[in-house]
ModelCIF file with pLDDT and N, C-alpha, C, O atoms, coordinates in Angstrom:
data_MODEL
#
_entry.id   MODEL 
#
_entity.id                         1 
_entity.type                       polymer 
_entity.pdbx_number_of_molecules   1 
#
_entity_poly.entity_id                      1 
_entity_poly.type                           'polypeptide(L)' 
_entity_poly.nstd_linkage                   no 
_entity_poly.nstd_monomer                   no 
_entity_poly.pdbx_seq_one_letter_code       PEVLKSQLIINLIEQRVTVQRALAELSATLLPSHPRIQQLRSEL 
_entity_poly.pdbx_seq_one_letter_code_can   PEVLKSQLIINLIEQRVTVQRALAELSATLLPSHPRIQQLRSEL 
_entity_poly.pdbx_strand_id                 A 
#
loop_
_entity_poly_seq.entity_id 
_entity_poly_seq.num 
_entity_poly_seq.mon_id 
_entity_poly_seq.hetero 
1 1  PRO n 
1 2  GLU n 
1 3  VAL n 
1 4  LEU n 
1 5  LYS n 
1 6  SER n 
1 7  GLN n 
1 8  LEU n 
1 9  ILE n 
1 10 ILE n 
1 11 ASN n 
1 12 LEU n 
1 13 ILE n 
1 14 GLU n 
1 15 GLN n 
1 16 ARG n 
1 17 VAL n 
1 18 THR n 
1 19 VAL n 
1 20 GLN n 
1 21 ARG n 
1 22 ALA n 
1 23 LEU n 
1 24 ALA n 
1 25 GLU n 
1 26 LEU n 
1 27 SER n 
1 28 ALA n 
1 29 THR n 
1 30 LEU n 
1 31 LEU n 
1 32 PRO n 
1 33 SER n 
1 34 HIS n 
1 35 PRO n 
1 36 ARG n 
1 37 ILE n 
1 38 GLN n 
1 39 GLN n 
1 40 LEU n 
1 41 ARG n 
1 42 SER n 
1 43 GLU n 
1 44 LEU n 
#
_struct_asym.id          A 
_struct_asym.entity_id   1 
#
loop_
_ma_qa_metric.id 
_ma_qa_metric.mode 
_ma_qa_metric.name 
_ma_qa_metric.software_group_id 
_ma_qa_metric.type 
1 global pLDDT . pLDDT 
2 local  pLDDT . pLDDT 
#
_ma_qa_metric_global.metric_id      1 
_ma_qa_metric_global.metric_value   73.98 
_ma_qa_metric_global.model_id       1 
_ma_qa_metric_global.ordinal_id     1 
#
loop_
_ma_qa_metric_local.label_asym_id 
_ma_qa_metric_local.label_comp_id 
_ma_qa_metric_local.label_seq_id 
_ma_qa_metric_local.metric_id 
_ma_qa_metric_local.metric_value 
_ma_qa_metric_local.model_id 
_ma_qa_metric_local.ordinal_id 
A PRO 1  2 64.00 1 1  
A GLU 2  2 63.00 1 2  
A VAL 3  2 63.00 1 3  
A LEU 4  2 57.00 1 4  
A LYS 5  2 66.00 1 5  
A SER 6  2 66.00 1 6  
A GLN 7  2 69.00 1 7  
A LEU 8  2 70.00 1 8  
A ILE 9  2 69.00 1 9  
A ILE 10 2 70.00 1 10 
A ASN 11 2 73.00 1 11 
A LEU 12 2 71.00 1 12 
A ILE 13 2 72.00 1 13 
A GLU 14 2 75.00 1 14 
A GLN 15 2 75.00 1 15 
A ARG 16 2 75.00 1 16 
A VAL 17 2 76.00 1 17 
A THR 18 2 80.00 1 18 
A VAL 19 2 75.00 1 19 
A GLN 20 2 75.00 1 20 
A ARG 21 2 78.00 1 21 
A ALA 22 2 77.00 1 22 
A LEU 23 2 76.00 1 23 
A ALA 24 2 79.00 1 24 
A GLU 25 2 76.00 1 25 
A LEU 26 2 76.00 1 26 
A SER 27 2 77.00 1 27 
A ALA 28 2 74.00 1 28 
A THR 29 2 79.00 1 29 
A LEU 30 2 74.00 1 30 
A LEU 31 2 76.00 1 31 
A PRO 32 2 76.00 1 32 
A SER 33 2 76.00 1 33 
A HIS 34 2 77.00 1 34 
A PRO 35 2 80.00 1 35 
A ARG 36 2 78.00 1 36 
A ILE 37 2 77.00 1 37 
A GLN 38 2 80.00 1 38 
A GLN 39 2 79.00 1 39 
A LEU 40 2 77.00 1 40 
A ARG 41 2 78.00 1 41 
A SER 42 2 80.00 1 42 
A GLU 43 2 78.00 1 43 
A LEU 44 2 73.00 1 44 
#
loop_
_atom_site.group_PDB 
_atom_site.id 
_atom_site.type_symbol 
_atom_site.label_atom_id 
_atom_site.label_alt_id 
_atom_site.label_comp_id 
_atom_site.label_asym_id 
_atom_site.label_entity_id 
_atom_site.label_seq_id 
_atom_site.pdbx_PDB_ins_code 
_atom_site.Cartn_x 
_atom_site.Cartn_y 
_atom_site.Cartn_z 
_atom_site.occupancy 
_atom_site.B_iso_or_equiv 
_atom_site.pdbx_formal_charge 
_atom_site.auth_seq_id 
_atom_site.auth_comp_id 
_atom_site.auth_asym_id 
_atom_site.auth_atom_id 
_atom_site.pdbx_PDB_model_num 
ATOM 1   N N  . PRO A 1 1  ? 78.621 -17.469 -39.914 1.00 64.00 ? 1  PRO A N  1 
ATOM 2   C CA . PRO A 1 1  ? 78.985 -17.497 -41.342 1.00 64.00 ? 1  PRO A CA 1 
ATOM 3   C C  . PRO A 1 1  ? 80.436 -17.877 -41.571 1.00 64.00 ? 1  PRO A C  1 
ATOM 4   O O  . PRO A 1 1  ? 80.752 -18.453 -42.612 1.00 64.00 ? 1  PRO A O  1 
ATOM 5   N N  . GLU A 1 2  ? 81.346 -17.572 -40.625 1.00 63.00 ? 2  GLU A N  1 
ATOM 6   C CA . GLU A 1 2  ? 82.745 -17.901 -40.815 1.00 63.00 ? 2  GLU A CA 1 
ATOM 7   C C  . GLU A 1 2  ? 82.948 -19.412 -40.859 1.00 63.00 ? 2  GLU A C  1 
ATOM 8   O O  . GLU A 1 2  ? 83.759 -19.910 -41.640 1.00 63.00 ? 2  GLU A O  1 
ATOM 9   N N  . VAL A 1 3  ? 82.190 -20.163 -39.996 1.00 63.00 ? 3  VAL A N  1 
ATOM 10  C CA . VAL A 1 3  ? 82.304 -21.619 -39.965 1.00 63.00 ? 3  VAL A CA 1 
ATOM 11  C C  . VAL A 1 3  ? 81.748 -22.239 -41.242 1.00 63.00 ? 3  VAL A C  1 
ATOM 12  O O  . VAL A 1 3  ? 82.299 -23.203 -41.773 1.00 63.00 ? 3  VAL A O  1 
ATOM 13  N N  . LEU A 1 4  ? 80.663 -21.674 -41.717 1.00 57.00 ? 4  LEU A N  1 
ATOM 14  C CA . LEU A 1 4  ? 80.032 -22.217 -42.914 1.00 57.00 ? 4  LEU A CA 1 
ATOM 15  C C  . LEU A 1 4  ? 80.830 -21.939 -44.188 1.00 57.00 ? 4  LEU A C  1 
ATOM 16  O O  . LEU A 1 4  ? 80.519 -22.489 -45.244 1.00 57.00 ? 4  LEU A O  1 
ATOM 17  N N  . LYS A 1 5  ? 81.853 -21.091 -44.097 1.00 66.00 ? 5  LYS A N  1 
ATOM 18  C CA . LYS A 1 5  ? 82.681 -20.819 -45.272 1.00 66.00 ? 5  LYS A CA 1 
ATOM 19  C C  . LYS A 1 5  ? 83.647 -21.984 -45.547 1.00 66.00 ? 5  LYS A C  1 
ATOM 20  O O  . LYS A 1 5  ? 84.166 -22.095 -46.657 1.00 66.00 ? 5  LYS A O  1 
ATOM 21  N N  . SER A 1 6  ? 83.900 -22.867 -44.539 1.00 66.00 ? 6  SER A N  1 
ATOM 22  C CA . SER A 1 6  ? 84.818 -23.994 -44.692 1.00 66.00 ? 6  SER A CA 1 
ATOM 23  C C  . SER A 1 6  ? 84.079 -25.166 -45.319 1.00 66.00 ? 6  SER A C  1 
ATOM 24  O O  . SER A 1 6  ? 83.064 -25.607 -44.781 1.00 66.00 ? 6  SER A O  1 
ATOM 25  N N  . GLN A 1 7  ? 84.563 -25.679 -46.443 1.00 69.00 ? 7  GLN A N  1 
ATOM 26  C CA . GLN A 1 7  ? 83.918 -26.807 -47.127 1.00 69.00 ? 7  GLN A CA 1 
ATOM 27  C C  . GLN A 1 7  ? 84.062 -28.092 -46.311 1.00 69.00 ? 7  GLN A C  1 
ATOM 28  O O  . GLN A 1 7  ? 83.177 -28.947 -46.339 1.00 69.00 ? 7  GLN A O  1 
ATOM 29  N N  . LEU A 1 8  ? 85.167 -28.229 -45.591 1.00 70.00 ? 8  LEU A N  1 
ATOM 30  C CA . LEU A 1 8  ? 85.347 -29.418 -44.758 1.00 70.00 ? 8  LEU A CA 1 
ATOM 31  C C  . LEU A 1 8  ? 84.324 -29.469 -43.657 1.00 70.00 ? 8  LEU A C  1 
ATOM 32  O O  . LEU A 1 8  ? 83.761 -30.526 -43.370 1.00 70.00 ? 8  LEU A O  1 
ATOM 33  N N  . ILE A 1 9  ? 84.077 -28.330 -43.033 1.00 69.00 ? 9  ILE A N  1 
ATOM 34  C CA . ILE A 1 9  ? 83.068 -28.294 -41.970 1.00 69.00 ? 9  ILE A CA 1 
ATOM 35  C C  . ILE A 1 9  ? 81.694 -28.601 -42.544 1.00 69.00 ? 9  ILE A C  1 
ATOM 36  O O  . ILE A 1 9  ? 80.895 -29.284 -41.903 1.00 69.00 ? 9  ILE A O  1 
ATOM 37  N N  . ILE A 1 10 ? 81.407 -28.103 -43.747 1.00 70.00 ? 10 ILE A N  1 
ATOM 38  C CA . ILE A 1 10 ? 80.104 -28.394 -44.358 1.00 70.00 ? 10 ILE A CA 1 
ATOM 39  C C  . ILE A 1 10 ? 79.959 -29.909 -44.590 1.00 70.00 ? 10 ILE A C  1 
ATOM 40  O O  . ILE A 1 10 ? 78.889 -30.470 -44.352 1.00 70.00 ? 10 ILE A O  1 
ATOM 41  N N  . ASN A 1 11 ? 81.044 -30.577 -45.058 1.00 73.00 ? 11 ASN A N  1 
ATOM 42  C CA . ASN A 1 11 ? 80.985 -32.032 -45.272 1.00 73.00 ? 11 ASN A CA 1 
ATOM 43  C C  . ASN A 1 11 ? 80.793 -32.777 -43.961 1.00 73.00 ? 11 ASN A C  1 
ATOM 44  O O  . ASN A 1 11 ? 80.046 -33.753 -43.890 1.00 73.00 ? 11 ASN A O  1 
ATOM 45  N N  . LEU A 1 12 ? 81.484 -32.299 -42.909 1.00 71.00 ? 12 LEU A N  1 
ATOM 46  C CA . LEU A 1 12 ? 81.329 -32.933 -41.600 1.00 71.00 ? 12 LEU A CA 1 
ATOM 47  C C  . LEU A 1 12 ? 79.921 -32.761 -41.066 1.00 71.00 ? 12 LEU A C  1 
ATOM 48  O O  . LEU A 1 12 ? 79.362 -33.671 -40.454 1.00 71.00 ? 12 LEU A O  1 
ATOM 49  N N  . ILE A 1 13 ? 79.357 -31.599 -41.298 1.00 72.00 ? 13 ILE A N  1 
ATOM 50  C CA . ILE A 1 13 ? 77.982 -31.368 -40.829 1.00 72.00 ? 13 ILE A CA 1 
ATOM 51  C C  . ILE A 1 13 ? 77.018 -32.314 -41.560 1.00 72.00 ? 13 ILE A C  1 
ATOM 52  O O  . ILE A 1 13 ? 76.107 -32.875 -40.950 1.00 72.00 ? 13 ILE A O  1 
ATOM 53  N N  . GLU A 1 14 ? 77.231 -32.483 -42.882 1.00 75.00 ? 14 GLU A N  1 
ATOM 54  C CA . GLU A 1 14 ? 76.377 -33.415 -43.624 1.00 75.00 ? 14 GLU A CA 1 
ATOM 55  C C  . GLU A 1 14 ? 76.568 -34.849 -43.121 1.00 75.00 ? 14 GLU A C  1 
ATOM 56  O O  . GLU A 1 14 ? 75.601 -35.606 -43.025 1.00 75.00 ? 14 GLU A O  1 
ATOM 57  N N  . GLN A 1 15 ? 77.801 -35.220 -42.803 1.00 75.00 ? 15 GLN A N  1 
ATOM 58  C CA . GLN A 1 15 ? 78.060 -36.559 -42.260 1.00 75.00 ? 15 GLN A CA 1 
ATOM 59  C C  . GLN A 1 15 ? 77.399 -36.726 -40.900 1.00 75.00 ? 15 GLN A C  1 
ATOM 60  O O  . GLN A 1 15 ? 76.873 -37.789 -40.571 1.00 75.00 ? 15 GLN A O  1 
ATOM 61  N N  . ARG A 1 16 ? 77.439 -35.667 -40.128 1.00 75.00 ? 16 ARG A N  1 
ATOM 62  C CA . ARG A 1 16 ? 76.775 -35.733 -38.799 1.00 75.00 ? 16 ARG A CA 1 
ATOM 63  C C  . ARG A 1 16 ? 75.285 -35.918 -38.957 1.00 75.00 ? 16 ARG A C  1 
ATOM 64  O O  . ARG A 1 16 ? 74.672 -36.682 -38.213 1.00 75.00 ? 16 ARG A O  1 
ATOM 65  N N  . VAL A 1 17 ? 74.715 -35.253 -39.882 1.00 76.00 ? 17 VAL A N  1 
ATOM 66  C CA . VAL A 1 17 ? 73.271 -35.392 -40.104 1.00 76.00 ? 17 VAL A CA 1 
ATOM 67  C C  . VAL A 1 17 ? 72.937 -36.815 -40.534 1.00 76.00 ? 17 VAL A C  1 
ATOM 68  O O  . VAL A 1 17 ? 71.931 -37.379 -40.101 1.00 76.00 ? 17 VAL A O  1 
ATOM 69  N N  . THR A 1 18 ? 73.789 -37.402 -41.395 1.00 80.00 ? 18 THR A N  1 
ATOM 70  C CA . THR A 1 18 ? 73.542 -38.776 -41.856 1.00 80.00 ? 18 THR A CA 1 
ATOM 71  C C  . THR A 1 18 ? 73.618 -39.771 -40.701 1.00 80.00 ? 18 THR A C  1 
ATOM 72  O O  . THR A 1 18 ? 72.777 -40.661 -40.573 1.00 80.00 ? 18 THR A O  1 
ATOM 73  N N  . VAL A 1 19 ? 74.646 -39.605 -39.860 1.00 75.00 ? 19 VAL A N  1 
ATOM 74  C CA . VAL A 1 19 ? 74.800 -40.500 -38.708 1.00 75.00 ? 19 VAL A CA 1 
ATOM 75  C C  . VAL A 1 19 ? 73.635 -40.344 -37.748 1.00 75.00 ? 19 VAL A C  1 
ATOM 76  O O  . VAL A 1 19 ? 73.131 -41.325 -37.202 1.00 75.00 ? 19 VAL A O  1 
ATOM 77  N N  . GLN A 1 20 ? 73.211 -39.098 -37.546 1.00 75.00 ? 20 GLN A N  1 
ATOM 78  C CA . GLN A 1 20 ? 72.077 -38.873 -36.624 1.00 75.00 ? 20 GLN A CA 1 
ATOM 79  C C  . GLN A 1 20 ? 70.795 -39.500 -37.171 1.00 75.00 ? 20 GLN A C  1 
ATOM 80  O O  . GLN A 1 20 ? 69.994 -40.028 -36.399 1.00 75.00 ? 20 GLN A O  1 
ATOM 81  N N  . ARG A 1 21 ? 70.592 -39.451 -38.466 1.00 78.00 ? 21 ARG A N  1 
ATOM 82  C CA . ARG A 1 21 ? 69.387 -40.037 -39.056 1.00 78.00 ? 21 ARG A CA 1 
ATOM 83  C C  . ARG A 1 21 ? 69.415 -41.577 -38.885 1.00 78.00 ? 21 ARG A C  1 
ATOM 84  O O  . ARG A 1 21 ? 68.419 -42.202 -38.522 1.00 78.00 ? 21 ARG A O  1 
ATOM 85  N N  . ALA A 1 22 ? 70.602 -42.157 -39.165 1.00 77.00 ? 22 ALA A N  1 
ATOM 86  C CA . ALA A 1 22 ? 70.698 -43.634 -39.035 1.00 77.00 ? 22 ALA A CA 1 
ATOM 87  C C  . ALA A 1 22 ? 70.513 -44.073 -37.587 1.00 77.00 ? 22 ALA A C  1 
ATOM 88  O O  . ALA A 1 22 ? 69.877 -45.085 -37.294 1.00 77.00 ? 22 ALA A O  1 
ATOM 89  N N  . LEU A 1 23 ? 71.090 -43.276 -36.695 1.00 76.00 ? 23 LEU A N  1 
ATOM 90  C CA . LEU A 1 23 ? 70.949 -43.590 -35.262 1.00 76.00 ? 23 LEU A CA 1 
ATOM 91  C C  . LEU A 1 23 ? 69.501 -43.504 -34.835 1.00 76.00 ? 23 LEU A C  1 
ATOM 92  O O  . LEU A 1 23 ? 69.045 -44.322 -34.037 1.00 76.00 ? 23 LEU A O  1 
ATOM 93  N N  . ALA A 1 24 ? 68.793 -42.565 -35.330 1.00 79.00 ? 24 ALA A N  1 
ATOM 94  C CA . ALA A 1 24 ? 67.382 -42.418 -34.963 1.00 79.00 ? 24 ALA A CA 1 
ATOM 95  C C  . ALA A 1 24 ? 66.555 -43.570 -35.516 1.00 79.00 ? 24 ALA A C  1 
ATOM 96  O O  . ALA A 1 24 ? 65.648 -44.052 -34.837 1.00 79.00 ? 24 ALA A O  1 
ATOM 97  N N  . GLU A 1 25 ? 66.846 -44.024 -36.733 1.00 76.00 ? 25 GLU A N  1 
ATOM 98  C CA . GLU A 1 25 ? 66.081 -45.113 -37.320 1.00 76.00 ? 25 GLU A CA 1 
ATOM 99  C C  . GLU A 1 25 ? 66.338 -46.436 -36.580 1.00 76.00 ? 25 GLU A C  1 
ATOM 100 O O  . GLU A 1 25 ? 65.407 -47.197 -36.317 1.00 76.00 ? 25 GLU A O  1 
ATOM 101 N N  . LEU A 1 26 ? 67.599 -46.698 -36.250 1.00 76.00 ? 26 LEU A N  1 
ATOM 102 C CA . LEU A 1 26 ? 67.901 -47.962 -35.577 1.00 76.00 ? 26 LEU A CA 1 
ATOM 103 C C  . LEU A 1 26 ? 67.473 -47.951 -34.116 1.00 76.00 ? 26 LEU A C  1 
ATOM 104 O O  . LEU A 1 26 ? 67.180 -49.001 -33.543 1.00 76.00 ? 26 LEU A O  1 
ATOM 105 N N  . SER A 1 27 ? 67.435 -46.755 -33.506 1.00 77.00 ? 27 SER A N  1 
ATOM 106 C CA . SER A 1 27 ? 67.008 -46.681 -32.096 1.00 77.00 ? 27 SER A CA 1 
ATOM 107 C C  . SER A 1 27 ? 65.567 -47.086 -31.936 1.00 77.00 ? 27 SER A C  1 
ATOM 108 O O  . SER A 1 27 ? 65.145 -47.427 -30.831 1.00 77.00 ? 27 SER A O  1 
ATOM 109 N N  . ALA A 1 28 ? 64.808 -47.059 -32.993 1.00 74.00 ? 28 ALA A N  1 
ATOM 110 C CA . ALA A 1 28 ? 63.399 -47.453 -32.905 1.00 74.00 ? 28 ALA A CA 1 
ATOM 111 C C  . ALA A 1 28 ? 63.227 -48.977 -32.837 1.00 74.00 ? 28 ALA A C  1 
ATOM 112 O O  . ALA A 1 28 ? 62.201 -49.468 -32.366 1.00 74.00 ? 28 ALA A O  1 
ATOM 113 N N  . THR A 1 29 ? 64.229 -49.715 -33.308 1.00 79.00 ? 29 THR A N  1 
ATOM 114 C CA . THR A 1 29 ? 64.096 -51.182 -33.338 1.00 79.00 ? 29 THR A CA 1 
ATOM 115 C C  . THR A 1 29 ? 65.122 -51.897 -32.471 1.00 79.00 ? 29 THR A C  1 
ATOM 116 O O  . THR A 1 29 ? 64.921 -53.047 -32.079 1.00 79.00 ? 29 THR A O  1 
ATOM 117 N N  . LEU A 1 30 ? 66.242 -51.200 -32.168 1.00 74.00 ? 30 LEU A N  1 
ATOM 118 C CA . LEU A 1 30 ? 67.301 -51.852 -31.401 1.00 74.00 ? 30 LEU A CA 1 
ATOM 119 C C  . LEU A 1 30 ? 67.447 -51.199 -30.036 1.00 74.00 ? 30 LEU A C  1 
ATOM 120 O O  . LEU A 1 30 ? 67.071 -50.049 -29.810 1.00 74.00 ? 30 LEU A O  1 
ATOM 121 N N  . LEU A 1 31 ? 68.005 -51.987 -29.154 1.00 76.00 ? 31 LEU A N  1 
ATOM 122 C CA . LEU A 1 31 ? 68.213 -51.490 -27.799 1.00 76.00 ? 31 LEU A CA 1 
ATOM 123 C C  . LEU A 1 31 ? 69.458 -50.610 -27.765 1.00 76.00 ? 31 LEU A C  1 
ATOM 124 O O  . LEU A 1 31 ? 70.309 -50.728 -28.647 1.00 76.00 ? 31 LEU A O  1 
ATOM 125 N N  . PRO A 1 32 ? 69.590 -49.736 -26.777 1.00 76.00 ? 32 PRO A N  1 
ATOM 126 C CA . PRO A 1 32 ? 70.755 -48.855 -26.695 1.00 76.00 ? 32 PRO A CA 1 
ATOM 127 C C  . PRO A 1 32 ? 72.060 -49.628 -26.546 1.00 76.00 ? 32 PRO A C  1 
ATOM 128 O O  . PRO A 1 32 ? 73.120 -49.101 -26.884 1.00 76.00 ? 32 PRO A O  1 
ATOM 129 N N  . SER A 1 33 ? 72.013 -50.848 -26.055 1.00 76.00 ? 33 SER A N  1 
ATOM 130 C CA . SER A 1 33 ? 73.243 -51.590 -25.873 1.00 76.00 ? 33 SER A CA 1 
ATOM 131 C C  . SER A 1 33 ? 73.652 -52.379 -27.102 1.00 76.00 ? 33 SER A C  1 
ATOM 132 O O  . SER A 1 33 ? 74.656 -53.091 -27.080 1.00 76.00 ? 33 SER A O  1 
ATOM 133 N N  . HIS A 1 34 ? 72.915 -52.264 -28.130 1.00 77.00 ? 34 HIS A N  1 
ATOM 134 C CA . HIS A 1 34 ? 73.209 -52.998 -29.350 1.00 77.00 ? 34 HIS A CA 1 
ATOM 135 C C  . HIS A 1 34 ? 74.504 -52.468 -29.950 1.00 77.00 ? 34 HIS A C  1 
ATOM 136 O O  . HIS A 1 34 ? 74.735 -51.259 -29.913 1.00 77.00 ? 34 HIS A O  1 
ATOM 137 N N  . PRO A 1 35 ? 75.362 -53.334 -30.507 1.00 80.00 ? 35 PRO A N  1 
ATOM 138 C CA . PRO A 1 35 ? 76.653 -52.897 -31.064 1.00 80.00 ? 35 PRO A CA 1 
ATOM 139 C C  . PRO A 1 35 ? 76.507 -51.836 -32.154 1.00 80.00 ? 35 PRO A C  1 
ATOM 140 O O  . PRO A 1 35 ? 77.287 -50.888 -32.244 1.00 80.00 ? 35 PRO A O  1 
ATOM 141 N N  . ARG A 1 36 ? 75.473 -52.035 -32.980 1.00 78.00 ? 36 ARG A N  1 
ATOM 142 C CA . ARG A 1 36 ? 75.300 -51.044 -34.077 1.00 78.00 ? 36 ARG A CA 1 
ATOM 143 C C  . ARG A 1 36 ? 74.991 -49.663 -33.518 1.00 78.00 ? 36 ARG A C  1 
ATOM 144 O O  . ARG A 1 36 ? 75.479 -48.654 -34.027 1.00 78.00 ? 36 ARG A O  1 
ATOM 145 N N  . ILE A 1 37 ? 74.193 -49.627 -32.486 1.00 77.00 ? 37 ILE A N  1 
ATOM 146 C CA . ILE A 1 37 ? 73.854 -48.352 -31.854 1.00 77.00 ? 37 ILE A CA 1 
ATOM 147 C C  . ILE A 1 37 ? 75.104 -47.742 -31.236 1.00 77.00 ? 37 ILE A C  1 
ATOM 148 O O  . ILE A 1 37 ? 75.328 -46.536 -31.335 1.00 77.00 ? 37 ILE A O  1 
ATOM 149 N N  . GLN A 1 38 ? 75.914 -48.580 -30.599 1.00 80.00 ? 38 GLN A N  1 
ATOM 150 C CA . GLN A 1 38 ? 77.150 -48.101 -29.993 1.00 80.00 ? 38 GLN A CA 1 
ATOM 151 C C  . GLN A 1 38 ? 78.093 -47.553 -31.069 1.00 80.00 ? 38 GLN A C  1 
ATOM 152 O O  . GLN A 1 38 ? 78.756 -46.538 -30.858 1.00 80.00 ? 38 GLN A O  1 
ATOM 153 N N  . GLN A 1 39 ? 78.150 -48.227 -32.219 1.00 79.00 ? 39 GLN A N  1 
ATOM 154 C CA . GLN A 1 39 ? 79.031 -47.781 -33.303 1.00 79.00 ? 39 GLN A CA 1 
ATOM 155 C C  . GLN A 1 39 ? 78.586 -46.416 -33.846 1.00 79.00 ? 39 GLN A C  1 
ATOM 156 O O  . GLN A 1 39 ? 79.409 -45.528 -34.064 1.00 79.00 ? 39 GLN A O  1 
ATOM 157 N N  . LEU A 1 40 ? 77.288 -46.265 -34.058 1.00 77.00 ? 40 LEU A N  1 
ATOM 158 C CA . LEU A 1 40 ? 76.776 -44.986 -34.595 1.00 77.00 ? 40 LEU A CA 1 
ATOM 159 C C  . LEU A 1 40 ? 77.034 -43.845 -33.608 1.00 77.00 ? 40 LEU A C  1 
ATOM 160 O O  . LEU A 1 40 ? 77.368 -42.731 -34.012 1.00 77.00 ? 40 LEU A O  1 
ATOM 161 N N  . ARG A 1 41 ? 76.879 -44.126 -32.327 1.00 78.00 ? 41 ARG A N  1 
ATOM 162 C CA . ARG A 1 41 ? 77.124 -43.063 -31.334 1.00 78.00 ? 41 ARG A CA 1 
ATOM 163 C C  . ARG A 1 41 ? 78.597 -42.676 -31.339 1.00 78.00 ? 41 ARG A C  1 
ATOM 164 O O  . ARG A 1 41 ? 78.923 -41.500 -31.180 1.00 78.00 ? 41 ARG A O  1 
ATOM 165 N N  . SER A 1 42 ? 79.487 -43.638 -31.517 1.00 80.00 ? 42 SER A N  1 
ATOM 166 C CA . SER A 1 42 ? 80.927 -43.364 -31.558 1.00 80.00 ? 42 SER A CA 1 
ATOM 167 C C  . SER A 1 42 ? 81.263 -42.515 -32.786 1.00 80.00 ? 42 SER A C  1 
ATOM 168 O O  . SER A 1 42 ? 82.050 -41.571 -32.712 1.00 80.00 ? 42 SER A O  1 
ATOM 169 N N  . GLU A 1 43 ? 80.632 -42.881 -33.943 1.00 78.00 ? 43 GLU A N  1 
ATOM 170 C CA . GLU A 1 43 ? 80.861 -42.089 -35.159 1.00 78.00 ? 43 GLU A CA 1 
ATOM 171 C C  . GLU A 1 43 ? 80.355 -40.654 -34.990 1.00 78.00 ? 43 GLU A C  1 
ATOM 172 O O  . GLU A 1 43 ? 80.992 -39.710 -35.457 1.00 78.00 ? 43 GLU A O  1 
ATOM 173 N N  . LEU A 1 44 ? 79.222 -40.495 -34.331 1.00 73.00 ? 44 LEU A N  1 
ATOM 174 C CA . LEU A 1 44 ? 78.649 -39.161 -34.131 1.00 73.00 ? 44 LEU A CA 1 
ATOM 175 C C  . LEU A 1 44 ? 79.550 -38.316 -33.255 1.00 73.00 ? 44 LEU A C  1 
ATOM 176 O O  . LEU A 1 44 ? 79.232 -37.160 -32.975 1.00 73.00 ? 44 LEU A O  1 
#
């Protein structure tokens, strides 16, 4: 609960979820060596 009290951490968690969703969608059509996949992993 102490971590969830920080609004910045909550925003980062939401951003992490967004990046993970995009990474999962593109991983279905692109290879792991694709630049976009590499970029999403770096952001995550």
